[in-house]
Structure formats: C-alpha cells, structure tokens
Amino acid sequence: MNLLPHLNASLSEIGVALRRPEAFTLRWRDRARAAAEAPSPLVFPVLVATAIVGVSLYGMVMRLHEGWGGMLLGAVKAPVAAGLAWTVALPALYILNSALGSRLDASTTLLAALATVSFGSLALLASVPITWFFGLALPFPWARVGANLVVFSGVGLCMVDVFLRTLKALEPERGALFATVWVGLVGVIGAELMALFSLFHFDA
C-alpha cells in the first residue's frame, strides 16, 4: 500500500483543521456515511507531529538566554511537558464526557482534542518572534516571565474558543461547561509540568 498519497492528503488537511476545525471534525464523525469525504486516519499522527514541532520551537525560544545547550533542552522539555499534560487529561475528557451524555466515539473526541492542541502549538510558533524580541530587548527575568505569561494566556484563550466551537458543532444540544473545564485542566497540568521541568526558571 502506497502511503504517500494519503500522507500528502493528510498534510493538506492540516490547513483545513486549523481554519475550519468544526467542519474537519464533523467530516470525521460522519465517516461511516460519507467515507470518501472523511479525512485519512493519517491525520492523527500528522497533527501530533505538528503539535510537537510548534511546542518544541517555542521551548527553544523560552530558554534563549541559556545559549544553545539550554535551548536544546527547552526544545525537548516543552513538548514532553505538554504531551504529558495532554495524555494525563485525555482519558478524563472521553470518560466524563460520555458519562455526561455525550455520544461521540473515542476517535472523534480524540480528533477534536488533537485539532485544538495542534492549533495551540502553531499559535505558540507564531508567537516566537514576540518572545524572541522581548528576550533580546529586555534581558531581565521579569520581562521573560511577563512575555511568556502573555503568550500562554492568549494561546490558551484561543484554544478554549477552538475546542468549544468544535464540540458545539459536533453536539449542538450540549453545554460547554465541561469542555471549558477540561481545557483549563490541560493548561494547569501543562503549566505545572513546565515549572517542574524548569522551563519557567528565568534567573539567568
């Protein structure tokens, strides 16, 4: 089986997932009725890879003041921390969402979360120039902390909006409270893990 056409199609789907995450996940949810229009299953690893790249590059810039050694460590630590946060919180999303009446299958729930995480990682990537500029123009710990807090807060709010819109499109009759709490949980766990991995230590 030639995977190259499927991989190319999956790469093109990334743009759709970022621009129209609601339509993207709806096509996957309805794959049994319209298999020809559904995204390829390869979009799952492609979205994961997109998330890793974005968070890794932002992690490098977070440790810009530590030189190449610190930047390379940041490139490893940031996606590990974010990935652990997402992995820890993901089962709760599906289990509790199902207990609260959701009829989404596990793969659709996973894809909605993956599209949101990938959007957030690329938003972090787009914020690299901001963090880079303030890291060079104001080489003080308080400036680094402030710049990163602003970036993470803005990206977090955008991720909440994307996730809520996606779940609302998938199940319009259900409320948004649990989804909001879940994204907040991912953010809290991710921040704690990044602090544990010393990504927020800006003493140098």
N, C-alpha and C. Protein backbone atom coordinates (compact mmCIF):
# COMPACT_ATOMS: atom_id res chain seq x y z
N MET A 1 0.84 -1.21 0.00
CA MET A 1 0.00 0.00 0.00
C MET A 1 0.87 1.25 0.00
N ASN A 2 0.63 2.13 -0.96
CA ASN A 2 1.39 3.37 -1.07
C ASN A 2 0.80 4.42 -0.13
N LEU A 3 1.58 4.79 0.90
CA LEU A 3 1.09 5.74 1.89
C LEU A 3 1.31 7.19 1.48
N LEU A 4 2.13 7.40 0.43
CA LEU A 4 2.48 8.77 0.07
C LEU A 4 1.26 9.63 -0.29
N PRO A 5 0.33 9.15 -1.13
CA PRO A 5 -0.85 9.98 -1.42
C PRO A 5 -1.67 10.29 -0.16
N HIS A 6 -1.79 9.29 0.73
CA HIS A 6 -2.54 9.52 1.96
C HIS A 6 -1.82 10.53 2.86
N LEU A 7 -0.50 10.45 2.88
CA LEU A 7 0.27 11.40 3.68
C LEU A 7 0.14 12.82 3.13
N ASN A 8 0.21 12.95 1.81
CA ASN A 8 0.04 14.26 1.19
C ASN A 8 -1.34 14.83 1.47
N ALA A 9 -2.35 13.95 1.39
CA ALA A 9 -3.72 14.40 1.69
C ALA A 9 -3.85 14.82 3.14
N SER A 10 -3.19 14.08 4.04
CA SER A 10 -3.25 14.41 5.46
C SER A 10 -2.57 15.73 5.76
N LEU A 11 -1.45 15.99 5.08
CA LEU A 11 -0.76 17.27 5.27
C LEU A 11 -1.62 18.43 4.81
N SER A 12 -2.33 18.23 3.71
CA SER A 12 -3.23 19.30 3.24
C SER A 12 -4.41 19.50 4.17
N GLU A 13 -4.79 18.43 4.88
CA GLU A 13 -5.90 18.54 5.82
C GLU A 13 -5.54 19.38 7.05
N ILE A 14 -4.24 19.54 7.34
CA ILE A 14 -3.83 20.33 8.50
C ILE A 14 -4.35 21.76 8.38
N GLY A 15 -4.22 22.32 7.18
CA GLY A 15 -4.74 23.68 6.97
C GLY A 15 -6.24 23.76 7.20
N VAL A 16 -6.96 22.72 6.77
CA VAL A 16 -8.41 22.69 6.99
C VAL A 16 -8.71 22.60 8.49
N ALA A 17 -7.95 21.75 9.19
CA ALA A 17 -8.17 21.58 10.63
C ALA A 17 -7.94 22.87 11.38
N LEU A 18 -6.98 23.68 10.94
CA LEU A 18 -6.68 24.93 11.63
C LEU A 18 -7.66 26.04 11.26
N ARG A 19 -8.09 26.06 10.00
CA ARG A 19 -9.01 27.12 9.58
C ARG A 19 -10.45 26.81 9.94
N ARG A 20 -10.84 25.55 9.77
CA ARG A 20 -12.24 25.17 10.00
C ARG A 20 -12.29 23.87 10.81
N PRO A 21 -11.90 23.94 12.09
CA PRO A 21 -11.85 22.70 12.89
C PRO A 21 -13.21 22.05 13.05
N GLU A 22 -14.29 22.85 13.05
CA GLU A 22 -15.63 22.27 13.18
C GLU A 22 -15.96 21.37 12.00
N ALA A 23 -15.77 21.90 10.78
CA ALA A 23 -16.06 21.11 9.57
C ALA A 23 -15.14 19.90 9.48
N PHE A 24 -13.91 20.08 9.87
CA PHE A 24 -12.92 18.99 9.81
C PHE A 24 -13.35 17.81 10.69
N THR A 25 -13.70 18.08 11.94
CA THR A 25 -14.09 17.00 12.84
C THR A 25 -15.47 16.44 12.49
N LEU A 26 -16.35 17.26 11.94
CA LEU A 26 -17.65 16.75 11.50
C LEU A 26 -17.48 15.72 10.38
N ARG A 27 -16.57 15.96 9.47
CA ARG A 27 -16.31 15.01 8.39
C ARG A 27 -15.81 13.69 8.93
N TRP A 28 -14.99 13.75 9.98
CA TRP A 28 -14.51 12.50 10.59
C TRP A 28 -15.64 11.80 11.33
N ARG A 29 -16.45 12.55 12.05
CA ARG A 29 -17.56 11.94 12.79
C ARG A 29 -18.51 11.21 11.85
N ASP A 30 -18.72 11.78 10.67
CA ASP A 30 -19.69 11.23 9.71
C ASP A 30 -19.02 10.32 8.69
N ARG A 31 -17.85 9.78 9.01
CA ARG A 31 -17.10 8.98 8.04
C ARG A 31 -17.83 7.71 7.63
N ALA A 32 -18.69 7.18 8.48
CA ALA A 32 -19.42 5.95 8.11
C ALA A 32 -20.42 6.22 7.00
N ARG A 33 -20.97 7.43 6.95
CA ARG A 33 -21.97 7.78 5.93
C ARG A 33 -21.33 8.36 4.67
N ALA A 34 -20.16 8.99 4.84
CA ALA A 34 -19.51 9.64 3.69
C ALA A 34 -18.01 9.36 3.77
N ALA A 35 -17.66 8.11 3.52
CA ALA A 35 -16.26 7.70 3.68
C ALA A 35 -15.33 8.44 2.72
N ALA A 36 -15.82 8.76 1.53
CA ALA A 36 -14.97 9.42 0.53
C ALA A 36 -14.57 10.83 0.97
N GLU A 37 -15.39 11.47 1.80
CA GLU A 37 -15.11 12.84 2.23
C GLU A 37 -14.38 12.91 3.57
N ALA A 38 -14.23 11.78 4.23
CA ALA A 38 -13.62 11.78 5.55
C ALA A 38 -12.10 11.95 5.45
N PRO A 39 -11.49 12.62 6.44
CA PRO A 39 -10.02 12.72 6.45
C PRO A 39 -9.40 11.33 6.60
N SER A 40 -8.18 11.18 6.11
CA SER A 40 -7.45 9.93 6.27
C SER A 40 -7.07 9.74 7.74
N PRO A 41 -7.02 8.49 8.22
CA PRO A 41 -6.56 8.25 9.59
C PRO A 41 -5.15 8.77 9.86
N LEU A 42 -4.38 9.02 8.79
CA LEU A 42 -3.04 9.55 8.98
C LEU A 42 -3.03 10.97 9.54
N VAL A 43 -4.21 11.63 9.55
CA VAL A 43 -4.22 12.97 10.12
C VAL A 43 -3.89 12.94 11.62
N PHE A 44 -4.13 11.81 12.28
CA PHE A 44 -3.84 11.73 13.72
C PHE A 44 -2.34 11.89 13.99
N PRO A 45 -1.47 11.06 13.39
CA PRO A 45 -0.03 11.27 13.65
C PRO A 45 0.49 12.58 13.08
N VAL A 46 -0.10 13.05 11.98
CA VAL A 46 0.36 14.32 11.40
C VAL A 46 0.04 15.48 12.34
N LEU A 47 -1.14 15.46 12.96
CA LEU A 47 -1.48 16.50 13.93
C LEU A 47 -0.58 16.43 15.16
N VAL A 48 -0.27 15.21 15.59
CA VAL A 48 0.65 15.05 16.73
C VAL A 48 2.01 15.65 16.38
N ALA A 49 2.52 15.35 15.18
CA ALA A 49 3.82 15.87 14.75
C ALA A 49 3.80 17.39 14.67
N THR A 50 2.70 17.94 14.18
CA THR A 50 2.56 19.40 14.11
C THR A 50 2.64 20.02 15.49
N ALA A 51 1.94 19.40 16.44
CA ALA A 51 1.95 19.91 17.82
C ALA A 51 3.35 19.85 18.41
N ILE A 52 4.06 18.75 18.18
CA ILE A 52 5.41 18.59 18.74
C ILE A 52 6.35 19.66 18.18
N VAL A 53 6.29 19.90 16.88
CA VAL A 53 7.18 20.87 16.25
C VAL A 53 6.94 22.27 16.81
N GLY A 54 5.67 22.67 16.88
CA GLY A 54 5.36 24.02 17.36
C GLY A 54 5.80 24.25 18.79
N VAL A 55 5.47 23.32 19.67
CA VAL A 55 5.83 23.46 21.09
C VAL A 55 7.34 23.37 21.27
N SER A 56 7.99 22.50 20.51
CA SER A 56 9.44 22.34 20.62
C SER A 56 10.16 23.63 20.25
N LEU A 57 9.77 24.26 19.16
CA LEU A 57 10.43 25.50 18.75
C LEU A 57 10.17 26.62 19.75
N TYR A 58 8.97 26.65 20.32
CA TYR A 58 8.71 27.68 21.34
C TYR A 58 9.54 27.40 22.59
N GLY A 59 9.69 26.12 22.94
CA GLY A 59 10.52 25.77 24.08
C GLY A 59 11.96 26.22 23.90
N MET A 60 12.47 26.18 22.68
CA MET A 60 13.81 26.67 22.41
C MET A 60 13.92 28.15 22.73
N VAL A 61 12.93 28.92 22.29
CA VAL A 61 12.97 30.37 22.49
C VAL A 61 12.79 30.73 23.97
N MET A 62 12.05 29.91 24.72
CA MET A 62 11.89 30.16 26.14
C MET A 62 13.23 30.15 26.87
N ARG A 63 14.17 29.35 26.38
CA ARG A 63 15.48 29.23 27.04
C ARG A 63 16.58 29.93 26.24
N LEU A 64 16.18 30.95 25.49
CA LEU A 64 17.12 31.67 24.64
C LEU A 64 18.30 32.23 25.43
N HIS A 65 18.04 32.65 26.65
CA HIS A 65 19.07 33.30 27.47
C HIS A 65 20.11 32.30 27.99
N GLU A 66 19.88 31.01 27.80
CA GLU A 66 20.81 30.00 28.31
C GLU A 66 21.77 29.48 27.23
N GLY A 67 21.71 30.04 26.04
CA GLY A 67 22.58 29.57 24.97
C GLY A 67 22.04 28.30 24.32
N TRP A 68 22.85 27.73 23.41
CA TRP A 68 22.39 26.59 22.62
C TRP A 68 22.06 25.36 23.47
N GLY A 69 22.86 25.15 24.52
CA GLY A 69 22.58 23.99 25.38
C GLY A 69 21.22 24.10 26.03
N GLY A 70 20.92 25.26 26.60
CA GLY A 70 19.62 25.45 27.24
C GLY A 70 18.49 25.43 26.25
N MET A 71 18.73 25.98 25.05
CA MET A 71 17.68 25.99 24.03
C MET A 71 17.34 24.56 23.57
N LEU A 72 18.35 23.73 23.41
CA LEU A 72 18.09 22.34 23.00
C LEU A 72 17.33 21.59 24.09
N LEU A 73 17.69 21.84 25.35
CA LEU A 73 16.94 21.22 26.45
C LEU A 73 15.50 21.70 26.45
N GLY A 74 15.29 23.00 26.21
CA GLY A 74 13.93 23.53 26.15
C GLY A 74 13.13 22.92 25.02
N ALA A 75 13.80 22.65 23.89
CA ALA A 75 13.12 22.04 22.74
C ALA A 75 12.64 20.63 23.06
N VAL A 76 13.32 19.96 24.00
CA VAL A 76 12.91 18.61 24.40
C VAL A 76 11.89 18.67 25.54
N LYS A 77 12.17 19.52 26.53
CA LYS A 77 11.33 19.55 27.72
C LYS A 77 9.92 20.08 27.44
N ALA A 78 9.81 21.10 26.60
CA ALA A 78 8.50 21.72 26.37
C ALA A 78 7.48 20.75 25.75
N PRO A 79 7.81 20.04 24.65
CA PRO A 79 6.83 19.09 24.12
C PRO A 79 6.57 17.90 25.04
N VAL A 80 7.59 17.49 25.82
CA VAL A 80 7.37 16.40 26.77
C VAL A 80 6.37 16.83 27.84
N ALA A 81 6.54 18.04 28.37
CA ALA A 81 5.62 18.55 29.40
C ALA A 81 4.22 18.70 28.84
N ALA A 82 4.10 19.31 27.64
CA ALA A 82 2.79 19.50 27.03
C ALA A 82 2.15 18.16 26.68
N GLY A 83 2.95 17.22 26.17
CA GLY A 83 2.42 15.90 25.81
C GLY A 83 1.94 15.12 27.02
N LEU A 84 2.69 15.21 28.13
CA LEU A 84 2.26 14.52 29.35
C LEU A 84 0.96 15.11 29.87
N ALA A 85 0.85 16.44 29.84
CA ALA A 85 -0.38 17.10 30.31
C ALA A 85 -1.57 16.64 29.49
N TRP A 86 -1.40 16.59 28.18
CA TRP A 86 -2.49 16.19 27.30
C TRP A 86 -2.84 14.72 27.50
N THR A 87 -1.81 13.87 27.64
CA THR A 87 -2.03 12.44 27.82
C THR A 87 -2.73 12.13 29.14
N VAL A 88 -2.34 12.85 30.20
CA VAL A 88 -2.96 12.63 31.50
C VAL A 88 -4.43 13.06 31.49
N ALA A 89 -4.72 14.17 30.82
CA ALA A 89 -6.08 14.71 30.86
C ALA A 89 -7.02 14.07 29.83
N LEU A 90 -6.47 13.47 28.77
CA LEU A 90 -7.31 12.96 27.68
C LEU A 90 -8.32 11.89 28.11
N PRO A 91 -7.92 10.87 28.90
CA PRO A 91 -8.92 9.87 29.30
C PRO A 91 -10.11 10.48 30.05
N ALA A 92 -9.83 11.51 30.87
CA ALA A 92 -10.92 12.16 31.61
C ALA A 92 -11.90 12.82 30.64
N LEU A 93 -11.38 13.38 29.54
CA LEU A 93 -12.25 14.02 28.56
C LEU A 93 -13.27 13.04 28.02
N TYR A 94 -12.81 11.86 27.59
CA TYR A 94 -13.72 10.90 26.98
C TYR A 94 -14.64 10.25 28.01
N ILE A 95 -14.06 9.82 29.15
CA ILE A 95 -14.86 9.10 30.15
C ILE A 95 -15.94 10.00 30.75
N LEU A 96 -15.55 11.18 31.21
CA LEU A 96 -16.53 12.06 31.85
C LEU A 96 -17.50 12.64 30.83
N ASN A 97 -17.01 12.93 29.64
CA ASN A 97 -17.90 13.44 28.60
C ASN A 97 -18.97 12.41 28.25
N SER A 98 -18.59 11.14 28.17
CA SER A 98 -19.56 10.07 27.90
C SER A 98 -20.53 9.92 29.07
N ALA A 99 -20.00 10.02 30.30
CA ALA A 99 -20.86 9.90 31.48
C ALA A 99 -21.88 11.03 31.55
N LEU A 100 -21.52 12.19 30.97
CA LEU A 100 -22.44 13.34 30.99
C LEU A 100 -23.40 13.34 29.80
N GLY A 101 -23.38 12.26 29.02
CA GLY A 101 -24.37 12.13 27.95
C GLY A 101 -23.85 12.28 26.54
N SER A 102 -22.55 12.46 26.35
CA SER A 102 -22.03 12.61 25.00
C SER A 102 -22.12 11.29 24.25
N ARG A 103 -22.41 11.39 22.95
CA ARG A 103 -22.50 10.19 22.10
C ARG A 103 -21.34 10.14 21.11
N LEU A 104 -20.33 10.95 21.32
CA LEU A 104 -19.18 10.93 20.42
C LEU A 104 -18.33 9.70 20.68
N ASP A 105 -17.82 9.10 19.62
CA ASP A 105 -16.91 7.96 19.82
C ASP A 105 -15.53 8.48 20.21
N ALA A 106 -14.68 7.56 20.65
CA ALA A 106 -13.37 7.94 21.18
C ALA A 106 -12.51 8.64 20.13
N SER A 107 -12.55 8.15 18.88
CA SER A 107 -11.68 8.74 17.86
C SER A 107 -12.09 10.17 17.52
N THR A 108 -13.40 10.45 17.50
CA THR A 108 -13.86 11.81 17.23
C THR A 108 -13.49 12.75 18.36
N THR A 109 -13.63 12.28 19.59
CA THR A 109 -13.22 13.08 20.74
C THR A 109 -11.73 13.36 20.69
N LEU A 110 -10.96 12.32 20.34
CA LEU A 110 -9.51 12.47 20.24
C LEU A 110 -9.14 13.48 19.15
N LEU A 111 -9.83 13.41 18.00
CA LEU A 111 -9.51 14.31 16.90
C LEU A 111 -9.85 15.75 17.26
N ALA A 112 -10.95 15.97 17.96
CA ALA A 112 -11.31 17.32 18.39
C ALA A 112 -10.23 17.89 19.32
N ALA A 113 -9.75 17.06 20.25
CA ALA A 113 -8.70 17.50 21.15
C ALA A 113 -7.39 17.72 20.40
N LEU A 114 -7.07 16.82 19.47
CA LEU A 114 -5.83 16.95 18.70
C LEU A 114 -5.82 18.21 17.84
N ALA A 115 -6.94 18.50 17.20
CA ALA A 115 -7.03 19.71 16.38
C ALA A 115 -6.81 20.95 17.24
N THR A 116 -7.36 20.93 18.45
CA THR A 116 -7.20 22.06 19.36
C THR A 116 -5.75 22.20 19.80
N VAL A 117 -5.13 21.08 20.17
CA VAL A 117 -3.73 21.11 20.61
C VAL A 117 -2.82 21.57 19.47
N SER A 118 -3.07 21.09 18.27
CA SER A 118 -2.26 21.49 17.13
C SER A 118 -2.42 22.97 16.83
N PHE A 119 -3.65 23.46 16.94
CA PHE A 119 -3.89 24.90 16.77
C PHE A 119 -3.08 25.69 17.79
N GLY A 120 -3.12 25.23 19.05
CA GLY A 120 -2.38 25.92 20.10
C GLY A 120 -0.88 25.90 19.86
N SER A 121 -0.36 24.78 19.38
CA SER A 121 1.08 24.68 19.14
C SER A 121 1.52 25.61 18.02
N LEU A 122 0.71 25.72 16.97
CA LEU A 122 1.07 26.63 15.88
C LEU A 122 0.88 28.08 16.29
N ALA A 123 -0.07 28.33 17.21
CA ALA A 123 -0.19 29.69 17.75
C ALA A 123 1.05 30.04 18.58
N LEU A 124 1.59 29.07 19.32
CA LEU A 124 2.85 29.29 20.03
C LEU A 124 3.98 29.57 19.05
N LEU A 125 3.99 28.82 17.96
CA LEU A 125 5.02 29.02 16.94
C LEU A 125 4.94 30.43 16.36
N ALA A 126 3.71 30.89 16.13
CA ALA A 126 3.53 32.24 15.60
C ALA A 126 3.95 33.30 16.62
N SER A 127 3.97 32.94 17.90
CA SER A 127 4.35 33.88 18.96
C SER A 127 5.85 33.91 19.22
N VAL A 128 6.61 33.06 18.54
CA VAL A 128 8.06 33.01 18.75
C VAL A 128 8.72 34.37 18.55
N PRO A 129 8.39 35.14 17.49
CA PRO A 129 9.04 36.46 17.34
C PRO A 129 8.79 37.39 18.52
N ILE A 130 7.61 37.31 19.13
CA ILE A 130 7.32 38.17 20.29
C ILE A 130 8.24 37.82 21.45
N THR A 131 8.29 36.53 21.77
CA THR A 131 9.14 36.08 22.89
C THR A 131 10.61 36.34 22.59
N TRP A 132 11.01 36.12 21.36
CA TRP A 132 12.40 36.36 20.95
C TRP A 132 12.75 37.84 21.12
N PHE A 133 11.86 38.72 20.63
CA PHE A 133 12.13 40.16 20.70
C PHE A 133 12.29 40.63 22.14
N PHE A 134 11.34 40.28 23.00
CA PHE A 134 11.42 40.74 24.38
C PHE A 134 12.58 40.09 25.13
N GLY A 135 12.91 38.85 24.76
CA GLY A 135 14.05 38.19 25.38
C GLY A 135 15.37 38.89 25.07
N LEU A 136 15.47 39.50 23.86
CA LEU A 136 16.69 40.20 23.48
C LEU A 136 16.66 41.67 23.89
N ALA A 137 15.48 42.30 23.74
CA ALA A 137 15.38 43.74 24.04
C ALA A 137 15.38 44.01 25.54
N LEU A 138 14.76 43.11 26.31
CA LEU A 138 14.68 43.28 27.76
C LEU A 138 15.20 42.01 28.43
N PRO A 139 16.50 41.85 28.52
CA PRO A 139 17.08 40.60 29.04
C PRO A 139 17.02 40.51 30.57
N PHE A 140 15.80 40.60 31.11
CA PHE A 140 15.60 40.54 32.55
C PHE A 140 14.61 39.42 32.86
N PRO A 141 14.76 38.75 34.00
CA PRO A 141 13.83 37.66 34.33
C PRO A 141 12.37 38.09 34.32
N TRP A 142 12.05 39.28 34.85
CA TRP A 142 10.65 39.71 34.91
C TRP A 142 10.07 39.91 33.50
N ALA A 143 10.91 40.37 32.57
CA ALA A 143 10.43 40.57 31.19
C ALA A 143 10.17 39.23 30.51
N ARG A 144 11.04 38.25 30.76
CA ARG A 144 10.84 36.92 30.18
C ARG A 144 9.56 36.28 30.73
N VAL A 145 9.40 36.38 32.05
CA VAL A 145 8.19 35.82 32.66
C VAL A 145 6.94 36.49 32.10
N GLY A 146 6.96 37.81 32.03
CA GLY A 146 5.79 38.54 31.53
C GLY A 146 5.45 38.20 30.10
N ALA A 147 6.47 38.14 29.24
CA ALA A 147 6.22 37.83 27.83
C ALA A 147 5.63 36.44 27.68
N ASN A 148 6.17 35.47 28.40
CA ASN A 148 5.65 34.10 28.30
C ASN A 148 4.24 33.97 28.88
N LEU A 149 3.97 34.69 29.96
CA LEU A 149 2.62 34.65 30.54
C LEU A 149 1.60 35.22 29.57
N VAL A 150 1.95 36.32 28.92
CA VAL A 150 1.03 36.93 27.93
C VAL A 150 0.78 35.96 26.78
N VAL A 151 1.86 35.35 26.27
CA VAL A 151 1.72 34.42 25.15
C VAL A 151 0.87 33.21 25.54
N PHE A 152 1.19 32.59 26.67
CA PHE A 152 0.45 31.40 27.08
C PHE A 152 -1.01 31.72 27.38
N SER A 153 -1.28 32.89 27.96
CA SER A 153 -2.66 33.27 28.25
C SER A 153 -3.45 33.46 26.95
N GLY A 154 -2.84 34.17 26.00
CA GLY A 154 -3.52 34.40 24.73
C GLY A 154 -3.76 33.11 23.96
N VAL A 155 -2.75 32.24 23.92
CA VAL A 155 -2.90 30.96 23.21
C VAL A 155 -3.93 30.09 23.91
N GLY A 156 -3.93 30.10 25.25
CA GLY A 156 -4.90 29.31 25.99
C GLY A 156 -6.34 29.74 25.71
N LEU A 157 -6.57 31.05 25.65
CA LEU A 157 -7.92 31.54 25.35
C LEU A 157 -8.35 31.13 23.93
N CYS A 158 -7.41 31.19 22.99
CA CYS A 158 -7.73 30.78 21.62
C CYS A 158 -8.06 29.28 21.56
N MET A 159 -7.32 28.47 22.33
CA MET A 159 -7.58 27.04 22.35
C MET A 159 -8.95 26.74 22.95
N VAL A 160 -9.32 27.46 24.00
CA VAL A 160 -10.66 27.28 24.58
C VAL A 160 -11.73 27.56 23.54
N ASP A 161 -11.55 28.66 22.80
CA ASP A 161 -12.53 29.03 21.77
C ASP A 161 -12.63 27.96 20.69
N VAL A 162 -11.47 27.47 20.21
CA VAL A 162 -11.47 26.44 19.16
C VAL A 162 -12.15 25.17 19.65
N PHE A 163 -11.81 24.73 20.86
CA PHE A 163 -12.35 23.48 21.39
C PHE A 163 -13.86 23.59 21.62
N LEU A 164 -14.30 24.71 22.16
CA LEU A 164 -15.73 24.89 22.41
C LEU A 164 -16.52 24.93 21.11
N ARG A 165 -16.00 25.64 20.12
CA ARG A 165 -16.69 25.71 18.83
C ARG A 165 -16.76 24.34 18.17
N THR A 166 -15.69 23.56 18.31
CA THR A 166 -15.66 22.23 17.70
C THR A 166 -16.67 21.31 18.36
N LEU A 167 -16.67 21.26 19.69
CA LEU A 167 -17.62 20.39 20.38
C LEU A 167 -19.06 20.85 20.18
N LYS A 168 -19.26 22.16 20.07
CA LYS A 168 -20.62 22.68 19.82
C LYS A 168 -21.12 22.24 18.45
N ALA A 169 -20.22 22.23 17.47
CA ALA A 169 -20.61 21.77 16.13
C ALA A 169 -20.91 20.28 16.14
N LEU A 170 -20.15 19.52 16.92
CA LEU A 170 -20.36 18.07 16.96
C LEU A 170 -21.63 17.70 17.71
N GLU A 171 -21.92 18.41 18.79
CA GLU A 171 -23.11 18.13 19.61
C GLU A 171 -23.76 19.45 20.02
N PRO A 172 -24.54 20.06 19.12
CA PRO A 172 -25.09 21.39 19.38
C PRO A 172 -26.02 21.47 20.59
N GLU A 173 -26.58 20.33 20.98
CA GLU A 173 -27.56 20.34 22.07
C GLU A 173 -26.92 20.35 23.46
N ARG A 174 -25.60 20.14 23.53
CA ARG A 174 -24.94 20.03 24.83
C ARG A 174 -24.27 21.33 25.24
N GLY A 175 -24.12 21.51 26.55
CA GLY A 175 -23.50 22.71 27.09
C GLY A 175 -21.98 22.67 26.95
N ALA A 176 -21.36 23.82 27.27
CA ALA A 176 -19.93 23.97 27.06
C ALA A 176 -19.13 23.95 28.36
N LEU A 177 -19.78 23.77 29.50
CA LEU A 177 -19.09 23.90 30.78
C LEU A 177 -17.97 22.88 30.93
N PHE A 178 -18.28 21.60 30.66
CA PHE A 178 -17.26 20.57 30.86
C PHE A 178 -16.07 20.77 29.94
N ALA A 179 -16.33 21.13 28.69
CA ALA A 179 -15.23 21.34 27.74
C ALA A 179 -14.32 22.47 28.22
N THR A 180 -14.91 23.52 28.76
CA THR A 180 -14.13 24.64 29.27
C THR A 180 -13.25 24.20 30.43
N VAL A 181 -13.85 23.43 31.34
CA VAL A 181 -13.10 22.93 32.50
C VAL A 181 -11.96 22.03 32.05
N TRP A 182 -12.20 21.20 31.02
CA TRP A 182 -11.17 20.27 30.56
C TRP A 182 -9.97 21.02 29.98
N VAL A 183 -10.22 22.02 29.14
CA VAL A 183 -9.11 22.78 28.57
C VAL A 183 -8.33 23.49 29.68
N GLY A 184 -9.06 24.00 30.68
CA GLY A 184 -8.39 24.62 31.83
C GLY A 184 -7.53 23.62 32.58
N LEU A 185 -8.03 22.37 32.71
CA LEU A 185 -7.26 21.32 33.37
C LEU A 185 -5.97 21.03 32.62
N VAL A 186 -6.05 20.94 31.30
CA VAL A 186 -4.85 20.71 30.49
C VAL A 186 -3.84 21.85 30.70
N GLY A 187 -4.35 23.08 30.73
CA GLY A 187 -3.47 24.23 30.93
C GLY A 187 -2.78 24.21 32.28
N VAL A 188 -3.53 23.87 33.33
CA VAL A 188 -2.95 23.84 34.67
C VAL A 188 -1.90 22.74 34.79
N ILE A 189 -2.23 21.53 34.29
CA ILE A 189 -1.27 20.42 34.36
C ILE A 189 -0.03 20.75 33.53
N GLY A 190 -0.24 21.33 32.35
CA GLY A 190 0.89 21.69 31.50
C GLY A 190 1.80 22.72 32.16
N ALA A 191 1.20 23.74 32.79
CA ALA A 191 2.00 24.76 33.47
C ALA A 191 2.78 24.16 34.63
N GLU A 192 2.15 23.25 35.37
CA GLU A 192 2.85 22.61 36.49
C GLU A 192 4.02 21.77 36.01
N LEU A 193 3.81 21.04 34.91
CA LEU A 193 4.89 20.21 34.39
C LEU A 193 6.03 21.06 33.81
N MET A 194 5.68 22.16 33.16
CA MET A 194 6.73 23.04 32.64
C MET A 194 7.52 23.67 33.77
N ALA A 195 6.82 24.01 34.86
CA ALA A 195 7.53 24.53 36.04
C ALA A 195 8.42 23.44 36.64
N LEU A 196 7.91 22.21 36.68
CA LEU A 196 8.68 21.09 37.22
C LEU A 196 9.94 20.84 36.39
N PHE A 197 9.82 21.02 35.08
CA PHE A 197 10.96 20.82 34.18
C PHE A 197 11.85 22.07 34.07
N SER A 198 11.59 23.06 34.92
CA SER A 198 12.41 24.29 34.99
C SER A 198 12.31 25.16 33.74
N LEU A 199 11.24 25.04 32.98
CA LEU A 199 11.10 25.88 31.80
C LEU A 199 10.75 27.32 32.17
N PHE A 200 10.18 27.54 33.36
CA PHE A 200 9.80 28.89 33.78
C PHE A 200 10.81 29.50 34.74
N HIS A 201 12.01 28.92 34.88
CA HIS A 201 13.04 29.48 35.72
C HIS A 201 13.89 30.43 34.86
N PHE A 202 13.76 31.72 35.11
CA PHE A 202 14.42 32.72 34.28
C PHE A 202 15.42 33.54 35.08
N ASP A 203 16.17 32.89 35.96
CA ASP A 203 17.10 33.62 36.81
C ASP A 203 18.35 34.06 36.07
N ALA A 204 18.67 33.33 35.00
CA ALA A 204 19.93 33.63 34.31
C ALA A 204 19.84 34.93 33.53
